[in-house]
PDB file of N, CA and C in Angstrom:
ATOM      1  N   MET A   1     -29.803  28.299  -5.145  1.00  0.00           N
ATOM      2  CA  MET A   1     -28.636  27.421  -4.002  1.00  0.00           C
ATOM      3  C   MET A   1     -29.629  26.446  -3.272  1.00  0.00           C
ATOM      4  N   LEU A   2     -29.152  24.753  -3.308  1.00  0.00           N
ATOM      5  CA  LEU A   2     -29.401  24.028  -3.071  1.00  0.00           C
ATOM      6  C   LEU A   2     -30.496  24.109  -1.667  1.00  0.00           C
ATOM      7  N   HIS A   3     -29.663  24.992  -0.995  1.00  0.00           N
ATOM      8  CA  HIS A   3     -31.059  24.855   0.554  1.00  0.00           C
ATOM      9  C   HIS A   3     -31.517  25.927   0.711  1.00  0.00           C
ATOM     10  N   MET A   4     -31.949  26.104  -0.093  1.00  0.00           N
ATOM     11  CA  MET A   4     -33.471  27.363  -0.393  1.00  0.00           C
ATOM     12  C   MET A   4     -34.040  26.697  -0.227  1.00  0.00           C
ATOM     13  N   VAL A   5     -35.208  26.846   0.257  1.00  0.00           N
ATOM     14  CA  VAL A   5     -37.072  26.315   0.198  1.00  0.00           C
ATOM     15  C   VAL A   5     -37.462  27.678  -0.869  1.00  0.00           C
ATOM     16  N   ASP A   6     -38.470  27.758  -0.767  1.00  0.00           N
ATOM     17  CA  ASP A   6     -39.634  28.204  -1.852  1.00  0.00           C
ATOM     18  C   ASP A   6     -41.065  28.625  -1.067  1.00  0.00           C
ATOM     19  N   GLU A   7     -41.635  29.371  -0.533  1.00  0.00           N
ATOM     20  CA  GLU A   7     -42.610  29.896  -0.653  1.00  0.00           C
ATOM     21  C   GLU A   7     -43.253  28.050   0.495  1.00  0.00           C
ATOM     22  N   ARG A   8     -43.606  27.184  -0.461  1.00  0.00           N
ATOM     23  CA  ARG A   8     -44.333  25.918   0.111  1.00  0.00           C
ATOM     24  C   ARG A   8     -43.622  25.449   1.187  1.00  0.00           C
ATOM     25  N   GLY A   9     -41.976  26.089   1.185  1.00  0.00           N
ATOM     26  CA  GLY A   9     -40.612  25.305   1.969  1.00  0.00           C
ATOM     27  C   GLY A   9     -40.265  23.261   1.322  1.00  0.00           C
ATOM     28  N   VAL A  10     -40.121  23.251  -0.115  1.00  0.00           N
ATOM     29  CA  VAL A  10     -39.797  22.864  -1.322  1.00  0.00           C
ATOM     30  C   VAL A  10     -38.214  23.591  -1.339  1.00  0.00           C
ATOM     31  N   ALA A  11     -37.588  22.101  -1.670  1.00  0.00           N
ATOM     32  CA  ALA A  11     -36.277  22.491  -2.679  1.00  0.00           C
ATOM     33  C   ALA A  11     -37.072  23.122  -3.790  1.00  0.00           C
ATOM     34  N   PRO A  12     -35.272  24.007  -4.542  1.00  0.00           N
ATOM     35  CA  PRO A  12     -36.092  24.223  -6.083  1.00  0.00           C
ATOM     36  C   PRO A  12     -35.206  22.387  -7.122  1.00  0.00           C
ATOM     37  N   VAL A  13     -34.286  21.170  -6.161  1.00  0.00           N
ATOM     38  CA  VAL A  13     -33.844  20.384  -6.565  1.00  0.00           C
ATOM     39  C   VAL A  13     -35.294  19.625  -6.368  1.00  0.00           C
ATOM     40  N   VAL A  14     -35.855  18.997  -5.908  1.00  0.00           N
ATOM     41  CA  VAL A  14     -36.993  18.636  -5.212  1.00  0.00           C
ATOM     42  C   VAL A  14     -38.187  19.474  -6.501  1.00  0.00           C
ATOM     43  N   VAL A  15     -38.163  19.932  -6.714  1.00  0.00           N
ATOM     44  CA  VAL A  15     -39.087  21.376  -7.999  1.00  0.00           C
ATOM     45  C   VAL A  15     -38.490  20.192  -8.814  1.00  0.00           C
ATOM     46  N   LEU A  16     -37.652  19.931  -9.341  1.00  0.00           N
ATOM     47  CA  LEU A  16     -37.271  19.907 -10.558  1.00  0.00           C
ATOM     48  C   LEU A  16     -36.985  18.358 -10.928  1.00  0.00           C
ATOM     49  N   ALA A  17     -36.842  17.502 -10.150  1.00  0.00           N
ATOM     50  CA  ALA A  17     -37.421  16.475 -10.162  1.00  0.00           C
ATOM     51  C   ALA A  17     -38.652  15.723 -10.650  1.00  0.00           C
ATOM     52  N   VAL A  18     -39.787  16.107  -9.505  1.00  0.00           N
ATOM     53  CA  VAL A  18     -41.151  16.357 -10.085  1.00  0.00           C
ATOM     54  C   VAL A  18     -41.208  17.205 -11.693  1.00  0.00           C
ATOM     55  N   ALA A  19     -40.755  18.201 -11.879  1.00  0.00           N
ATOM     56  CA  ALA A  19     -40.456  18.480 -12.948  1.00  0.00           C
ATOM     57  C   ALA A  19     -40.270  16.986 -14.790  1.00  0.00           C
ATOM     58  N   PHE A  20     -39.053  16.742 -14.604  1.00  0.00           N
ATOM     59  CA  PHE A  20     -38.059  16.033 -14.610  1.00  0.00           C
ATOM     60  C   PHE A  20     -39.710  14.471 -14.965  1.00  0.00           C
ATOM     61  N   VAL A  21     -39.212  14.351 -13.927  1.00  0.00           N
ATOM     62  CA  VAL A  21     -40.612  12.938 -14.043  1.00  0.00           C
ATOM     63  C   VAL A  21     -41.568  13.245 -14.606  1.00  0.00           C
ATOM     64  N   SER A  22     -42.416  13.646 -13.713  1.00  0.00           N
ATOM     65  CA  SER A  22     -43.861  14.362 -14.663  1.00  0.00           C
ATOM     66  C   SER A  22     -43.396  14.485 -16.092  1.00  0.00           C
ATOM     67  N   THR A  23     -42.200  14.247 -17.101  1.00  0.00           N
ATOM     68  CA  THR A  23     -42.343  14.866 -18.330  1.00  0.00           C
ATOM     69  C   THR A  23     -42.706  13.021 -18.932  1.00  0.00           C
ATOM     70  N   ALA A  24     -42.028  12.063 -18.347  1.00  0.00           N
ATOM     71  CA  ALA A  24     -42.350  10.876 -18.495  1.00  0.00           C
ATOM     72  C   ALA A  24     -43.720   9.781 -18.894  1.00  0.00           C
ATOM     73  N   ALA A  25     -43.807   9.062 -20.068  1.00  0.00           N
ATOM     74  CA  ALA A  25     -45.908   8.692 -19.954  1.00  0.00           C
ATOM     75  C   ALA A  25     -46.217   8.395 -18.924  1.00  0.00           C
ATOM     76  N   ALA A  26     -47.733   8.317 -18.732  1.00  0.00           N
ATOM     77  CA  ALA A  26     -48.308   8.609 -17.525  1.00  0.00           C
ATOM     78  C   ALA A  26     -47.834   6.400 -16.531  1.00  0.00           C
ATOM     79  N   ALA A  27     -47.913   5.706 -17.808  1.00  0.00           N
ATOM     80  CA  ALA A  27     -48.727   4.328 -17.335  1.00  0.00           C
ATOM     81  C   ALA A  27     -46.370   4.716 -16.621  1.00  0.00           C
ATOM     82  N   TRP A  28     -45.153   5.369 -16.736  1.00  0.00           N
ATOM     83  CA  TRP A  28     -44.302   4.586 -17.032  1.00  0.00           C
ATOM     84  C   TRP A  28     -43.979   6.010 -15.453  1.00  0.00           C
ATOM     85  N   ARG A  29     -44.596   6.851 -14.961  1.00  0.00           N
ATOM     86  CA  ARG A  29     -44.141   7.437 -13.800  1.00  0.00           C
ATOM     87  C   ARG A  29     -43.725   7.018 -12.490  1.00  0.00           C
ATOM     88  N   PRO A  30     -44.376   6.535 -12.217  1.00  0.00           N
ATOM     89  CA  PRO A  30     -44.219   5.869 -10.770  1.00  0.00           C
ATOM     90  C   PRO A  30     -42.933   5.250 -11.470  1.00  0.00           C
ATOM     91  N   PHE A  31     -42.508   4.104 -12.143  1.00  0.00           N
ATOM     92  CA  PHE A  31     -40.985   3.644 -12.609  1.00  0.00           C
ATOM     93  C   PHE A  31     -40.005   4.650 -12.752  1.00  0.00           C
ATOM     94  N   ALA A  32     -40.482   5.341 -13.436  1.00  0.00           N
ATOM     95  CA  ALA A  32     -39.476   6.678 -13.576  1.00  0.00           C
ATOM     96  C   ALA A  32     -38.584   7.991 -12.394  1.00  0.00           C
ATOM     97  N   ARG A  33     -40.462   7.330 -11.357  1.00  0.00           N
ATOM     98  CA  ARG A  33     -39.379   8.377  -9.888  1.00  0.00           C
ATOM     99  C   ARG A  33     -39.125   7.225  -9.051  1.00  0.00           C
ATOM    100  N   GLY A  34     -38.905   6.116  -9.058  1.00  0.00           N
ATOM    101  CA  GLY A  34     -38.288   5.002  -8.679  1.00  0.00           C
ATOM    102  C   GLY A  34     -36.623   5.637  -9.433  1.00  0.00           C
ATOM    103  N   LEU A  35     -36.928   4.953 -10.597  1.00  0.00           N
ATOM    104  CA  LEU A  35     -35.727   4.653 -10.965  1.00  0.00           C
ATOM    105  C   LEU A  35     -34.880   6.226 -10.544  1.00  0.00           C
ATOM    106  N   LEU A  36     -35.539   7.850 -10.872  1.00  0.00           N
ATOM    107  CA  LEU A  36     -34.676   8.441 -10.154  1.00  0.00           C
ATOM    108  C   LEU A  36     -33.238   8.738  -9.022  1.00  0.00           C
ATOM    109  N   LEU A  37     -34.924   8.055  -7.720  1.00  0.00           N
ATOM    110  CA  LEU A  37     -34.815   7.888  -6.303  1.00  0.00           C
ATOM    111  C   LEU A  37     -33.117   6.971  -6.699  1.00  0.00           C
ATOM    112  N   VAL A  38     -33.137   5.992  -7.207  1.00  0.00           N
ATOM    113  CA  VAL A  38     -32.435   5.186  -7.044  1.00  0.00           C
ATOM    114  C   VAL A  38     -30.846   5.763  -7.429  1.00  0.00           C
ATOM    115  N   HIS A  39     -31.166   6.517  -8.833  1.00  0.00           N
ATOM    116  CA  HIS A  39     -30.763   6.986 -10.040  1.00  0.00           C
ATOM    117  C   HIS A  39     -29.574   7.971  -8.869  1.00  0.00           C
ATOM    118  N   ILE A  40     -29.982   9.054  -9.094  1.00  0.00           N
ATOM    119  CA  ILE A  40     -29.162  10.065  -7.710  1.00  0.00           C
ATOM    120  C   ILE A  40     -29.007   8.827  -6.619  1.00  0.00           C
ATOM    121  N   ALA A  41     -29.407   7.940  -5.336  1.00  0.00           N
ATOM    122  CA  ALA A  41     -28.515   7.636  -4.161  1.00  0.00           C
ATOM    123  C   ALA A  41     -27.127   7.091  -5.431  1.00  0.00           C
ATOM    124  N   ALA A  42     -27.661   6.592  -6.541  1.00  0.00           N
ATOM    125  CA  ALA A  42     -26.193   5.526  -6.946  1.00  0.00           C
ATOM    126  C   ALA A  42     -25.230   6.306  -6.831  1.00  0.00           C
ATOM    127  N   ALA A  43     -25.226   7.916  -7.180  1.00  0.00           N
ATOM    128  CA  ALA A  43     -24.929   8.234  -7.810  1.00  0.00           C
ATOM    129  C   ALA A  43     -24.277   9.461  -6.566  1.00  0.00           C
ATOM    130  N   VAL A  44     -24.347  10.107  -5.778  1.00  0.00           N
ATOM    131  CA  VAL A  44     -24.046  10.648  -4.998  1.00  0.00           C
ATOM    132  C   VAL A  44     -23.446  10.274  -4.347  1.00  0.00           C
ATOM    133  N   SER A  45     -23.298   8.390  -3.902  1.00  0.00           N
ATOM    134  CA  SER A  45     -22.672   7.251  -2.825  1.00  0.00           C
ATOM    135  C   SER A  45     -21.041   7.000  -3.905  1.00  0.00           C
ATOM    136  N   THR A  46     -21.750   6.191  -4.873  1.00  0.00           N
ATOM    137  CA  THR A  46     -20.455   6.330  -5.850  1.00  0.00           C
ATOM    138  C   THR A  46     -18.954   7.746  -5.765  1.00  0.00           C
ATOM    139  N   TYR A  47     -19.953   8.966  -6.046  1.00  0.00           N
ATOM    140  CA  TYR A  47     -18.524  10.653  -5.835  1.00  0.00           C
ATOM    141  C   TYR A  47     -17.974   9.966  -4.789  1.00  0.00           C
ATOM    142  N   THR A  48     -19.265  10.720  -3.631  1.00  0.00           N
ATOM    143  CA  THR A  48     -18.496  10.325  -2.074  1.00  0.00           C
ATOM    144  C   THR A  48     -17.743   9.156  -2.479  1.00  0.00           C
ATOM    145  N   LEU A  49     -17.998   7.579  -2.546  1.00  0.00           N
ATOM    146  CA  LEU A  49     -17.031   7.232  -2.115  1.00  0.00           C
ATOM    147  C   LEU A  49     -14.989   7.326  -2.782  1.00  0.00           C
ATOM    148  N   TRP A  50     -15.641   8.198  -4.388  1.00  0.00           N
ATOM    149  CA  TRP A  50     -14.350   8.038  -5.125  1.00  0.00           C
ATOM    150  C   TRP A  50     -13.971   9.537  -4.369  1.00  0.00           C
ATOM    151  N   SER A  51     -14.735   9.999  -4.303  1.00  0.00           N
ATOM    152  CA  SER A  51     -13.522  11.719  -3.036  1.00  0.00           C
ATOM    153  C   SER A  51     -12.637  10.830  -2.213  1.00  0.00           C
ATOM    154  N   TRP A  52     -13.219   9.791  -1.887  1.00  0.00           N
ATOM    155  CA  TRP A  52     -13.043   9.594  -0.785  1.00  0.00           C
ATOM    156  C   TRP A  52     -11.880   8.928  -1.020  1.00  0.00           C
ATOM    157  N   LEU A  53     -11.367   7.580  -1.779  1.00  0.00           N
ATOM    158  CA  LEU A  53     -10.655   7.141  -2.253  1.00  0.00           C
ATOM    159  C   LEU A  53      -9.699   7.821  -2.557  1.00  0.00           C
ATOM    160  N   ALA A  54     -10.034   9.209  -3.940  1.00  0.00           N
ATOM    161  CA  ALA A  54      -8.341  10.037  -3.984  1.00  0.00           C
ATOM    162  C   ALA A  54      -8.314  10.414  -2.306  1.00  0.00           C
ATOM    163  N   TRP A  55      -8.646  10.780  -2.274  1.00  0.00           N
ATOM    164  CA  TRP A  55      -8.293  11.282  -0.193  1.00  0.00           C
ATOM    165  C   TRP A  55      -7.325  10.221   0.834  1.00  0.00           C
ATOM    166  N   MET A  56      -7.722   9.987   0.857  1.00  0.00           N
ATOM    167  CA  MET A  56      -7.186   8.716   1.196  1.00  0.00           C
ATOM    168  C   MET A  56      -5.867   7.740   0.472  1.00  0.00           C
ATOM    169  N   SER A  57      -5.936   7.698  -1.093  1.00  0.00           N
ATOM    170  CA  SER A  57      -4.923   7.139  -1.852  1.00  0.00           C
ATOM    171  C   SER A  57      -3.864   8.259  -2.182  1.00  0.00           C
ATOM    172  N   GLN A  58      -4.004   9.467  -1.818  1.00  0.00           N
ATOM    173  CA  GLN A  58      -3.220  10.463  -2.003  1.00  0.00           C
ATOM    174  C   GLN A  58      -2.802  10.531  -0.826  1.00  0.00           C
ATOM    175  N   ARG A  59      -3.174  10.340   0.835  1.00  0.00           N
ATOM    176  CA  ARG A  59      -2.698  10.322   2.385  1.00  0.00           C
ATOM    177  C   ARG A  59      -1.836   9.004   2.057  1.00  0.00           C
ATOM    178  N   ARG A  60      -2.050   7.876   1.271  1.00  0.00           N
ATOM    179  CA  ARG A  60      -1.586   6.979   2.215  1.00  0.00           C
ATOM    180  C   ARG A  60      -0.395   6.530   0.978  1.00  0.00           C
ATOM    181  N   PHE A  61      -0.859   7.610   0.095  1.00  0.00           N
ATOM    182  CA  PHE A  61       0.594   6.915  -1.349  1.00  0.00           C
ATOM    183  C   PHE A  61       1.871   6.684  -0.484  1.00  0.00           C
ATOM    184  N   GLN A  62       3.056   5.894  -0.762  1.00  0.00           N
ATOM    185  CA  GLN A  62       4.751   5.218  -0.245  1.00  0.00           C
ATOM    186  C   GLN A  62       4.713   5.103  -1.463  1.00  0.00           C
ATOM    187  N   MET A  63       6.028   5.834  -1.531  1.00  0.00           N
ATOM    188  CA  MET A  63       7.084   5.818  -2.379  1.00  0.00           C
ATOM    189  C   MET A  63       7.067   4.264  -3.126  1.00  0.00           C
ATOM    190  N   ARG A  64       7.510   2.985  -2.655  1.00  0.00           N
ATOM    191  CA  ARG A  64       6.953   1.962  -2.753  1.00  0.00           C
ATOM    192  C   ARG A  64       5.778   1.235  -3.632  1.00  0.00           C
ATOM    193  N   LEU A  65       5.381   0.541  -4.934  1.00  0.00           N
ATOM    194  CA  LEU A  65       4.578   0.649  -5.041  1.00  0.00           C
ATOM    195  C   LEU A  65       4.203  -1.285  -4.519  1.00  0.00           C
ATOM    196  N   PRO A  66       3.788  -1.640  -4.670  1.00  0.00           N
ATOM    197  CA  PRO A  66       2.189  -1.990  -4.075  1.00  0.00           C
ATOM    198  C   PRO A  66       2.371  -1.720  -1.799  1.00  0.00           C
ATOM    199  N   GLY A  67       1.841  -1.055  -2.062  1.00  0.00           N
ATOM    200  CA  GLY A  67       1.749  -0.632  -1.106  1.00  0.00           C
ATOM    201  C   GLY A  67       0.992  -0.601  -0.052  1.00  0.00           C
ATOM    202  N   ASN A  68       0.522  -0.872   1.759  1.00  0.00           N
ATOM    203  CA  ASN A  68       0.225  -0.930   2.627  1.00  0.00           C
ATOM    204  C   ASN A  68      -1.863  -0.932   2.119  1.00  0.00           C
ATOM    205  N   PHE A  69      -2.348   0.297   1.446  1.00  0.00           N
ATOM    206  CA  PHE A  69      -3.450   0.638   1.089  1.00  0.00           C
ATOM    207  C   PHE A  69      -3.665  -0.486  -0.855  1.00  0.00           C
ATOM    208  N   SER A  70      -2.847  -1.135  -0.891  1.00  0.00           N
ATOM    209  CA  SER A  70      -2.528  -1.071  -2.869  1.00  0.00           C
ATOM    210  C   SER A  70      -4.363  -1.610  -2.628  1.00  0.00           C
ATOM    211  N   ARG A  71      -4.190  -3.270  -1.984  1.00  0.00           N
ATOM    212  CA  ARG A  71      -4.841  -3.696  -1.625  1.00  0.00           C
ATOM    213  C   ARG A  71      -6.621  -3.619  -1.538  1.00  0.00           C
ATOM    214  N   ARG A  72      -6.569  -2.539  -0.715  1.00  0.00           N
ATOM    215  CA  ARG A  72      -7.938  -1.383  -0.343  1.00  0.00           C
ATOM    216  C   ARG A  72      -7.928  -1.235  -1.825  1.00  0.00           C
ATOM    217  N   HIS A  73      -7.160   0.248  -2.331  1.00  0.00           N
ATOM    218  CA  HIS A  73      -7.822   0.403  -3.312  1.00  0.00           C
ATOM    219  C   HIS A  73      -8.208  -0.234  -4.923  1.00  0.00           C
ATOM    220  N   ARG A  74      -7.250  -0.980  -4.848  1.00  0.00           N
ATOM    221  CA  ARG A  74      -8.228  -1.892  -6.339  1.00  0.00           C
ATOM    222  C   ARG A  74      -9.706  -2.330  -5.811  1.00  0.00           C
ATOM    223  N   ARG A  75     -10.077  -2.825  -4.713  1.00  0.00           N
ATOM    224  CA  ARG A  75     -11.218  -3.269  -4.447  1.00  0.00           C
ATOM    225  C   ARG A  75     -12.133  -2.027  -4.573  1.00  0.00           C
ATOM    226  N   THR A  76     -11.552  -1.004  -4.313  1.00  0.00           N
ATOM    227  CA  THR A  76     -13.112  -0.062  -3.454  1.00  0.00           C
ATOM    228  C   THR A  76     -12.785   0.193  -4.956  1.00  0.00           C
ATOM    229  N   GLY A  77     -11.504   0.835  -6.116  1.00  0.00           N
ATOM    230  CA  GLY A  77     -11.613   1.500  -7.353  1.00  0.00           C
ATOM    231  C   GLY A  77     -12.876   0.550  -7.919  1.00  0.00           C
ATOM    232  N   LYS A  78     -12.844  -0.380  -8.160  1.00  0.00           N
ATOM    233  CA  LYS A  78     -13.885  -1.954  -8.775  1.00  0.00           C
ATOM    234  C   LYS A  78     -15.231  -1.111  -7.893  1.00  0.00           C
ATOM    235  N   LEU A  79     -15.700  -0.795  -6.788  1.00  0.00           N
ATOM    236  CA  LEU A  79     -16.751  -0.596  -6.682  1.00  0.00           C
ATOM    237  C   LEU A  79     -16.700   0.574  -7.168  1.00  0.00           C
ATOM    238  N   VAL A  80     -16.409   1.826  -7.322  1.00  0.00           N
ATOM    239  CA  VAL A  80     -16.106   2.834  -7.810  1.00  0.00           C
ATOM    240  C   VAL A  80     -17.195   3.325  -9.620  1.00  0.00           C
ATOM    241  N   PHE A  81     -16.259   1.791  -9.956  1.00  0.00           N
ATOM    242  CA  PHE A  81     -16.255   1.512 -11.155  1.00  0.00           C
ATOM    243  C   PHE A  81     -17.671   1.656 -11.665  1.00  0.00           C
ATOM    244  N   VAL A  82     -18.344   0.027 -11.083  1.00  0.00           N
ATOM    245  CA  VAL A  82     -19.556  -0.466 -10.681  1.00  0.00           C
ATOM    246  C   VAL A  82     -20.404   0.782 -11.115  1.00  0.00           C
ATOM    247  N   GLY A  83     -20.242   1.644  -9.699  1.00  0.00           N
ATOM    248  CA  GLY A  83     -21.567   2.364  -9.374  1.00  0.00           C
ATOM    249  C   GLY A  83     -21.060   3.709 -10.735  1.00  0.00           C
ATOM    250  N   LEU A  84     -20.036   3.485 -11.707  1.00  0.00           N
ATOM    251  CA  LEU A  84     -20.284   5.300 -12.127  1.00  0.00           C
ATOM    252  C   LEU A  84     -20.741   3.567 -13.902  1.00  0.00           C
ATOM    253  N   VAL A  85     -20.477   2.439 -13.939  1.00  0.00           N
ATOM    254  CA  VAL A  85     -21.110   2.245 -14.603  1.00  0.00           C
ATOM    255  C   VAL A  85     -23.005   2.464 -14.379  1.00  0.00           C
ATOM    256  N   PHE A  86     -23.067   1.620 -12.691  1.00  0.00           N
ATOM    257  CA  PHE A  86     -24.634   1.819 -12.908  1.00  0.00           C
ATOM    258  C   PHE A  86     -25.662   3.416 -13.317  1.00  0.00           C
ATOM    259  N   THR A  87     -24.573   4.149 -13.564  1.00  0.00           N
ATOM    260  CA  THR A  87     -24.775   5.717 -12.410  1.00  0.00           C
ATOM    261  C   THR A  87     -25.356   6.201 -13.942  1.00  0.00           C
ATOM    262  N   ALA A  88     -24.004   5.707 -14.959  1.00  0.00           N
ATOM    263  CA  ALA A  88     -24.685   5.778 -16.514  1.00  0.00           C
ATOM    264  C   ALA A  88     -25.803   5.316 -17.061  1.00  0.00           C
ATOM    265  N   ALA A  89     -26.230   4.391 -16.244  1.00  0.00           N
ATOM    266  CA  ALA A  89     -27.135   3.100 -17.204  1.00  0.00           C
ATOM    267  C   ALA A  89     -28.627   3.920 -16.406  1.00  0.00           C
ATOM    268  N   SER A  90     -28.591   4.371 -15.269  1.00  0.00           N
ATOM    269  CA  SER A  90     -30.012   4.890 -14.784  1.00  0.00           C
ATOM    270  C   SER A  90     -29.790   5.357 -15.624  1.00  0.00           C
ATOM    271  N   ALA A  91     -29.782   6.872 -16.385  1.00  0.00           N
ATOM    272  CA  ALA A  91     -29.416   7.703 -16.353  1.00  0.00           C
ATOM    273  C   ALA A  91     -29.533   7.775 -17.960  1.00  0.00           C
ATOM    274  N   THR A  92     -29.444   6.044 -18.881  1.00  0.00           N
ATOM    275  CA  THR A  92     -29.587   6.435 -19.875  1.00  0.00           C
ATOM    276  C   THR A  92     -31.372   5.463 -19.675  1.00  0.00           C
ATOM    277  N   GLY A  93     -31.662   4.813 -18.993  1.00  0.00           N
ATOM    278  CA  GLY A  93     -33.295   4.392 -18.665  1.00  0.00           C
ATOM    279  C   GLY A  93     -33.626   5.974 -18.013  1.00  0.00           C
ATOM    280  N   MET A  94     -33.495   6.938 -17.594  1.00  0.00           N
ATOM    281  CA  MET A  94     -34.110   7.997 -17.404  1.00  0.00           C
ATOM    282  C   MET A  94     -34.171   8.404 -18.482  1.00  0.00           C
ATOM    283  N   TYR A  95     -33.476   8.740 -19.431  1.00  0.00           N
ATOM    284  CA  TYR A  95     -33.909   9.238 -20.798  1.00  0.00           C
ATOM    285  C   TYR A  95     -34.681   8.980 -21.213  1.00  0.00           C
ATOM    286  N   VAL A  96     -34.219   7.013 -21.569  1.00  0.00           N
ATOM    287  CA  VAL A  96     -35.528   6.706 -22.521  1.00  0.00           C
ATOM    288  C   VAL A  96     -36.527   7.338 -22.311  1.00  0.00           C
ATOM    289  N   LEU A  97     -37.038   6.805 -20.464  1.00  0.00           N
ATOM    290  CA  LEU A  97     -38.404   6.823 -19.975  1.00  0.00           C
ATOM    291  C   LEU A  97     -39.127   8.282 -20.500  1.00  0.00           C
ATOM    292  N   THR A  98     -37.932   9.484 -20.101  1.00  0.00           N
ATOM    293  CA  THR A  98     -38.952  10.845 -19.873  1.00  0.00           C
ATOM    294  C   THR A  98     -38.893  11.677 -21.192  1.00  0.00           C
ATOM    295  N   PHE A  99     -37.617  10.482 -22.536  1.00  0.00           N
ATOM    296  CA  PHE A  99     -37.911  11.736 -23.759  1.00  0.00           C
ATOM    297  C   PHE A  99     -38.391  10.498 -24.830  1.00  0.00           C
ATOM    298  N   VAL A 100     -37.635   9.283 -24.865  1.00  0.00           N
ATOM    299  CA  VAL A 100     -38.068   8.404 -25.538  1.00  0.00           C
ATOM    300  C   VAL A 100     -39.345   8.160 -25.607  1.00  0.00           C
ATOM    301  N   LEU A 101     -39.879   7.171 -24.415  1.00  0.00           N
ATOM    302  CA  LEU A 101     -40.958   6.135 -24.459  1.00  0.00           C
ATOM    303  C   LEU A 101     -42.183   7.699 -24.349  1.00  0.00           C
ATOM    304  N   SER A 102     -42.352   8.795 -23.431  1.00  0.00           N
ATOM    305  CA  SER A 102     -42.658   9.936 -22.948  1.00  0.00           C
ATOM    306  C   SER A 102     -44.285  10.627 -24.914  1.00  0.00           C
TER     307      SER A 102
END
C-alpha cells in the first residue's frame, strides 16, 4: 500500500524511486532524480486535471453544443494534452537515463 511505511519510516514508493534512479550512471543520477520528481509532479497534476475535466464536463453537459463550458473545456483539454505529451517525453528521458546511458 502507498500509505504504509517500513521500520525506518520510508514509504515503499520512495524506496522504488530511489532504486530506479540508482540504476542511472553516476554522472547522470542528480539529473535523473530531478527529472523523476518533475515527471511525477507533472503526471499527477495532468491526470488530476483530466479527471476534473471529465467530471465537470459530465456535470455541465447540455444537449445543445457549444454550451457555456465549451471554451473552458477546449482550453483545459489542450492543457491536459500538453501535460500528457510532457509526461511521455519525460518518461522517455527517464528510460534513456536509467537504461540506455547506464
